[in-house]
């Protein structure tokens, strides 16, 4: 059996002043149409949002898509600052459902299912506001188009500026360690901070060539990013046990240790492309005077990696 059309009788006939200024602040442009949201209309008509929407659904033949439509989440987020909080909320400031938007024709149709002097006065005020809004847009369309053009140009300029700044910052980052840094005895914190910052640049892999690795070395390597593998090449006499490596892997995987006597100097290689020469074992950083420098020649990095493959 087809449901009968529902008409809402509004018993609160309190006189309400609806001005064009008041209504115009509630009008949004969505899908190229001027609309007012259900909660704002309910506030103006002095009815509950839920009751009004239920009446609309029971009279859905009167409200085709170009009269009334439900917002998407993206549309809702764009205009939610103008949505009134009422019984359509879930008690925590959020809505249980996406709101409905009513076009000028839909609002006119609402007056047919809302019977009260309040509804009549409100409908008249809303219609006048829509008319004035159309006149304003028509009169100022050239100015508004120019404003749009200015906004587009501003966005393009901002994007261009951001890209230039990104290049500058990238250059600074790439060349920050290009000169050798020297640390004197006692500068333990500064040396530790620099080595940690170098280690944290790695995204995939850290290769440490250091003949005197121990647990203190692992404590520094623990500052690496998650998911970064660590390979250590050290002397057979290094004070690093299998238990130490296993404990490290239990929390900061994955670490592999290989014993070799081939290298005298210390190196850190990041992601197979960036290498640093270190004058002292990183466990002793800052305890004695030593230096750190970035190897700027890609060929030297390639030579180091090739030599490691033969170890």
Protein backbone atom coordinates (compact mmCIF):
# COMPACT_ATOMS: atom_id res chain seq x y z
CA UNK A 1 0.00 0.00 0.00
CA UNK A 2 1.43 3.39 -0.97
CA UNK A 3 2.12 5.68 1.94
CA UNK A 4 0.13 8.88 2.15
CA UNK A 5 1.92 12.17 1.76
CA UNK A 6 2.83 13.59 5.15
CA UNK A 7 2.13 17.19 6.08
CA UNK A 8 3.85 18.65 9.14
CA UNK A 9 1.68 20.87 11.30
CA UNK A 10 3.94 23.31 13.11
CA UNK A 11 2.35 24.32 16.39
CA UNK A 12 4.97 26.95 17.28
CA UNK A 13 3.75 30.06 15.50
CA UNK A 14 6.18 32.44 17.17
CA UNK A 15 6.90 35.37 14.87
CA UNK A 16 10.40 35.06 13.38
CA UNK A 17 12.37 37.67 11.48
CA UNK A 18 14.08 36.21 8.44
CA UNK A 19 16.21 38.73 6.61
CA UNK A 20 18.06 38.30 3.34
CA UNK A 21 21.35 38.84 5.16
CA UNK A 22 20.54 36.06 7.63
CA UNK A 23 19.53 33.61 4.91
CA UNK A 24 22.35 34.50 2.51
CA UNK A 25 24.89 33.40 5.12
CA UNK A 26 23.32 29.93 5.01
CA UNK A 27 23.40 29.56 1.23
CA UNK A 28 26.12 27.28 -0.19
CA UNK A 29 27.15 26.67 -3.79
CA UNK A 30 27.21 22.88 -4.25
CA UNK A 31 27.19 21.05 -7.60
CA UNK A 32 26.77 24.44 -9.25
CA UNK A 33 23.49 25.10 -7.40
CA UNK A 34 22.57 27.48 -4.59
CA UNK A 35 21.35 25.34 -1.69
CA UNK A 36 20.58 25.46 2.01
CA UNK A 37 21.27 22.47 4.25
CA UNK A 38 18.52 20.59 6.06
CA UNK A 39 19.65 21.53 9.59
CA UNK A 40 19.71 25.23 8.74
CA UNK A 41 16.26 25.03 7.16
CA UNK A 42 14.93 23.20 10.20
CA UNK A 43 16.34 25.94 12.40
CA UNK A 44 14.61 28.62 10.33
CA UNK A 45 11.32 26.71 10.16
CA UNK A 46 11.52 25.88 13.89
CA UNK A 47 11.09 22.12 13.38
CA UNK A 48 13.30 19.12 14.06
CA UNK A 49 15.68 18.20 11.27
CA UNK A 50 14.83 14.51 11.50
CA UNK A 51 11.09 15.15 11.36
CA UNK A 52 11.48 17.44 8.36
CA UNK A 53 13.62 14.94 6.46
CA UNK A 54 11.23 12.11 7.23
CA UNK A 55 8.38 14.17 5.83
CA UNK A 56 10.43 14.85 2.69
CA UNK A 57 11.10 11.13 2.22
CA UNK A 58 7.39 10.36 2.56
CA UNK A 59 6.72 13.00 -0.08
CA UNK A 60 9.69 12.04 -2.25
CA UNK A 61 7.73 12.46 -5.48
CA UNK A 62 7.69 16.17 -4.73
CA UNK A 63 11.47 16.30 -4.29
CA UNK A 64 13.38 15.09 -7.37
CA UNK A 65 17.19 15.26 -7.49
CA UNK A 66 17.25 18.87 -8.69
CA UNK A 67 15.08 19.86 -5.69
CA UNK A 68 16.85 17.94 -2.93
CA UNK A 69 19.97 15.74 -2.78
CA UNK A 70 22.18 14.21 -0.10
CA UNK A 71 25.75 15.51 0.27
CA UNK A 72 28.84 13.38 -0.11
CA UNK A 73 31.43 13.38 2.67
CA UNK A 74 33.68 15.71 0.66
CA UNK A 75 30.85 18.18 0.07
CA UNK A 76 29.90 17.99 3.73
CA UNK A 77 33.45 18.80 4.87
CA UNK A 78 33.57 21.85 2.60
CA UNK A 79 30.57 23.50 4.20
CA UNK A 80 30.28 21.93 7.67
CA UNK A 81 31.38 25.12 9.40
CA UNK A 82 28.00 26.53 8.49
CA UNK A 83 25.97 23.54 9.72
CA UNK A 84 23.90 24.00 12.85
CA UNK A 85 24.20 21.48 15.68
CA UNK A 86 20.86 19.98 16.55
CA UNK A 87 19.15 16.65 16.95
CA UNK A 88 20.84 15.35 13.81
CA UNK A 89 24.09 15.02 15.75
CA UNK A 90 25.24 11.91 17.57
CA UNK A 91 25.79 13.77 20.86
CA UNK A 92 29.52 14.28 20.20
CA UNK A 93 29.24 17.01 17.59
CA UNK A 94 29.09 14.65 14.58
CA UNK A 95 26.16 13.69 12.36
CA UNK A 96 24.78 10.22 12.09
CA UNK A 97 24.18 10.74 8.37
CA UNK A 98 25.20 13.07 5.57
CA UNK A 99 22.92 16.14 5.41
CA UNK A 100 20.48 16.92 2.63
CA UNK A 101 20.71 20.06 0.53
CA UNK A 102 17.63 21.84 -0.79
CA UNK A 103 17.66 24.01 -3.90
CA UNK A 104 15.38 27.01 -4.31
CA UNK A 105 12.71 24.81 -5.90
CA UNK A 106 13.03 22.27 -3.10
CA UNK A 107 12.62 24.95 -0.45
CA UNK A 108 9.56 26.24 -2.25
CA UNK A 109 8.13 22.72 -2.20
CA UNK A 110 8.82 22.49 1.55
CA UNK A 111 6.23 25.18 2.16
CA UNK A 112 3.62 22.74 0.85
CA UNK A 113 4.34 20.22 3.61
CA UNK A 114 4.98 22.72 6.42
CA UNK A 115 1.78 24.41 7.57
CA UNK A 116 2.27 27.44 9.77
CA UNK A 117 2.63 31.20 9.66
CA UNK A 118 6.28 30.64 10.55
CA UNK A 119 6.76 28.47 7.48
CA UNK A 120 5.07 31.05 5.25
CA UNK A 121 7.19 33.93 6.57
CA UNK A 122 10.38 31.92 6.36
CA UNK A 123 9.68 30.74 2.82
CA UNK A 124 9.08 34.30 1.67
CA UNK A 125 12.33 35.45 3.30
CA UNK A 126 14.29 32.59 1.74
CA UNK A 127 12.91 33.20 -1.74
CA UNK A 128 13.85 36.87 -1.50
CA UNK A 129 17.36 35.92 -0.40
CA UNK A 130 17.79 33.61 -3.38
CA UNK A 131 16.63 36.36 -5.73
CA UNK A 132 19.05 38.87 -4.22
CA UNK A 133 21.87 36.35 -4.39
CA UNK A 134 21.23 35.79 -8.09
CA UNK A 135 21.20 39.53 -8.70
CA UNK A 136 24.46 39.92 -6.80
CA UNK A 137 26.17 37.14 -8.76
CA UNK A 138 24.92 38.49 -12.07
CA UNK A 139 25.95 42.07 -11.26
CA UNK A 140 29.37 41.14 -9.94
CA UNK A 141 30.18 38.19 -12.18
CA UNK A 142 33.07 40.05 -13.88
CA UNK A 143 34.63 40.98 -10.54
CA UNK A 144 34.16 37.45 -9.21
CA UNK A 145 35.78 35.99 -12.33
CA UNK A 146 38.73 38.32 -11.86
CA UNK A 147 39.02 37.24 -8.23
CA UNK A 148 39.01 33.61 -9.38
CA UNK A 149 41.76 34.39 -11.90
CA UNK A 150 43.82 36.09 -9.21
CA UNK A 151 43.39 33.10 -6.89
CA UNK A 152 44.51 30.73 -9.65
CA UNK A 153 47.56 32.89 -10.40
CA UNK A 154 48.35 33.09 -6.68
CA UNK A 155 48.16 29.30 -6.37
CA UNK A 156 50.39 28.87 -9.43
CA UNK A 157 52.90 31.37 -8.04
CA UNK A 158 52.86 29.67 -4.63
CA UNK A 159 53.43 26.28 -6.27
CA UNK A 160 56.31 27.66 -8.31
CA UNK A 161 57.83 29.28 -5.22
CA UNK A 162 57.47 26.07 -3.21
CA UNK A 163 59.18 24.09 -5.97
CA UNK A 164 62.10 26.54 -6.02
CA UNK A 165 62.43 26.41 -2.25
CA UNK A 166 62.30 22.61 -2.34
CA UNK A 167 65.24 22.64 -4.76
CA UNK A 168 67.19 24.99 -2.50
CA UNK A 169 66.51 22.87 0.59
CA UNK A 170 67.39 19.70 -1.31
CA UNK A 171 70.66 21.24 -2.41
CA UNK A 172 71.45 22.28 1.17
CA UNK A 173 70.62 18.77 2.40
CA UNK A 174 72.71 17.10 -0.30
CA UNK A 175 75.71 19.33 0.38
CA UNK A 176 75.40 19.81 4.13
CA UNK A 177 78.12 17.25 4.78
CA UNK A 178 80.28 17.96 1.73
CA UNK A 179 83.08 19.50 3.78
CA UNK A 180 85.00 17.57 6.37
CA UNK A 181 83.89 18.07 9.94
CA UNK A 182 86.43 17.79 12.71
CA UNK A 183 85.54 16.96 16.30
CA UNK A 184 87.93 17.48 19.15
CA UNK A 185 88.21 15.37 22.26
CA UNK A 186 85.27 15.98 24.57
CA UNK A 187 82.78 16.80 21.79
CA UNK A 188 81.02 13.51 22.35
CA UNK A 189 77.45 14.86 22.08
CA UNK A 190 78.12 16.79 18.85
CA UNK A 191 79.82 13.78 17.26
CA UNK A 192 77.05 11.45 18.39
CA UNK A 193 74.39 13.83 17.01
CA UNK A 194 76.08 14.05 13.60
CA UNK A 195 76.59 10.29 13.27
CA UNK A 196 72.99 9.68 14.33
CA UNK A 197 71.71 12.16 11.73
CA UNK A 198 73.78 10.39 9.06
CA UNK A 199 72.42 6.98 10.06
CA UNK A 200 68.84 8.28 9.97
CA UNK A 201 69.22 9.36 6.34
CA UNK A 202 69.22 5.72 5.22
CA UNK A 203 65.92 4.47 3.83
CA UNK A 204 66.83 0.88 2.95
CA UNK A 205 70.35 -0.13 4.00
CA UNK A 206 73.31 0.88 6.14
CA UNK A 207 76.74 -0.63 5.57
CA UNK A 208 79.24 0.02 8.35
CA UNK A 209 82.92 -0.78 7.84
CA UNK A 210 84.54 -0.49 11.25
CA UNK A 211 87.15 -2.80 12.71
CA UNK A 212 86.27 -2.17 16.35
CA UNK A 213 82.51 -2.73 16.62
CA UNK A 214 80.95 -3.47 19.99
CA UNK A 215 77.62 -3.04 21.85
CA UNK A 216 78.12 0.77 21.96
CA UNK A 217 78.18 0.70 18.17
CA UNK A 218 74.87 -1.16 18.12
CA UNK A 219 73.36 1.43 20.46
CA UNK A 220 74.10 4.10 17.86
CA UNK A 221 72.82 1.97 14.97
CA UNK A 222 69.58 1.45 16.90
CA UNK A 223 68.72 5.05 15.97
CA UNK A 224 68.15 3.97 12.36
CA UNK A 225 64.76 4.18 10.67
CA UNK A 226 62.49 1.16 10.98
CA UNK A 227 62.87 -1.36 8.17
CA UNK A 228 66.45 -0.35 7.34
CA UNK A 229 68.85 -3.31 7.11
CA UNK A 230 72.34 -3.07 8.65
CA UNK A 231 75.46 -4.86 7.44
CA UNK A 232 78.63 -4.64 9.54
CA UNK A 233 82.14 -5.52 8.34
CA UNK A 234 84.52 -5.72 11.30
CA UNK A 235 87.66 -7.42 12.56
CA UNK A 236 87.54 -10.94 13.89
CA UNK A 237 88.82 -9.57 17.18
CA UNK A 238 85.95 -7.10 17.56
CA UNK A 239 84.12 -7.30 20.89
CA UNK A 240 80.75 -8.13 19.36
CA UNK A 241 79.22 -11.52 20.13
CA UNK A 242 76.54 -13.48 18.37
CA UNK A 243 74.34 -12.87 21.40
CA UNK A 244 74.74 -9.10 20.98
CA UNK A 245 73.69 -9.37 17.35
CA UNK A 246 70.74 -11.60 18.21
CA UNK A 247 69.54 -9.18 20.90
CA UNK A 248 69.78 -6.31 18.41
CA UNK A 249 67.83 -8.23 15.77
CA UNK A 250 65.11 -9.05 18.28
CA UNK A 251 64.22 -5.37 18.43
CA UNK A 252 65.85 -3.64 15.43
CA UNK A 253 66.02 -6.13 12.54
CA UNK A 254 67.82 -6.89 10.36
CA UNK A 255 71.53 -6.97 11.26
CA UNK A 256 74.22 -9.13 9.66
CA UNK A 257 77.86 -9.19 10.74
CA UNK A 258 80.81 -10.27 8.61
CA UNK A 259 84.40 -10.55 9.85
CA UNK A 260 87.20 -9.26 7.60
CA UNK A 261 90.69 -7.76 7.95
CA UNK A 262 90.63 -6.05 4.53
CA UNK A 263 89.80 -2.51 5.62
CA UNK A 264 91.82 -0.17 7.78
CA UNK A 265 89.65 2.96 7.59
CA UNK A 266 86.03 3.30 8.65
CA UNK A 267 83.16 4.00 6.28
CA UNK A 268 79.38 4.30 6.41
CA UNK A 269 77.48 3.65 3.14
CA UNK A 270 73.80 4.60 2.89
CA UNK A 271 71.43 2.92 0.43
CA UNK A 272 74.31 1.92 -1.82
CA UNK A 273 74.94 5.45 -3.09
CA UNK A 274 76.17 7.78 -0.34
CA UNK A 275 79.34 7.13 1.65
CA UNK A 276 81.14 8.85 4.53
CA UNK A 277 84.72 8.39 5.62
CA UNK A 278 85.07 8.34 9.42
CA UNK A 279 88.41 8.81 11.13
CA UNK A 280 87.54 6.85 14.26
CA UNK A 281 85.33 3.98 15.31
CA UNK A 282 81.82 5.38 15.82
CA UNK A 283 81.72 3.88 19.31
CA UNK A 284 84.57 6.30 20.23
CA UNK A 285 83.09 9.35 18.47
CA UNK A 286 84.08 12.48 20.36
CA UNK A 287 86.46 10.77 22.76
CA UNK A 288 89.44 11.74 20.63
CA UNK A 289 90.01 14.21 17.81
CA UNK A 290 88.70 12.80 14.52
CA UNK A 291 87.03 13.85 11.28
CA UNK A 292 84.02 12.89 9.14
CA UNK A 293 83.71 13.69 5.44
CA UNK A 294 81.31 12.90 2.62
CA UNK A 295 82.78 11.06 -0.37
CA UNK A 296 81.57 13.20 -3.26
CA UNK A 297 82.97 11.03 -6.05
CA UNK A 298 80.34 8.37 -7.01
CA UNK A 299 83.17 6.27 -8.42
CA UNK A 300 84.73 5.92 -4.97
CA UNK A 301 81.42 4.67 -3.56
CA UNK A 302 81.16 2.15 -6.39
CA UNK A 303 84.72 0.98 -5.73
CA UNK A 304 83.94 0.41 -2.06
CA UNK A 305 80.82 -1.62 -2.89
CA UNK A 306 82.72 -3.68 -5.47
CA UNK A 307 85.42 -4.46 -2.92
CA UNK A 308 82.84 -5.58 -0.38
CA UNK A 309 81.45 -8.10 -2.88
CA UNK A 310 84.78 -9.89 -2.87
CA UNK A 311 85.04 -10.11 0.92
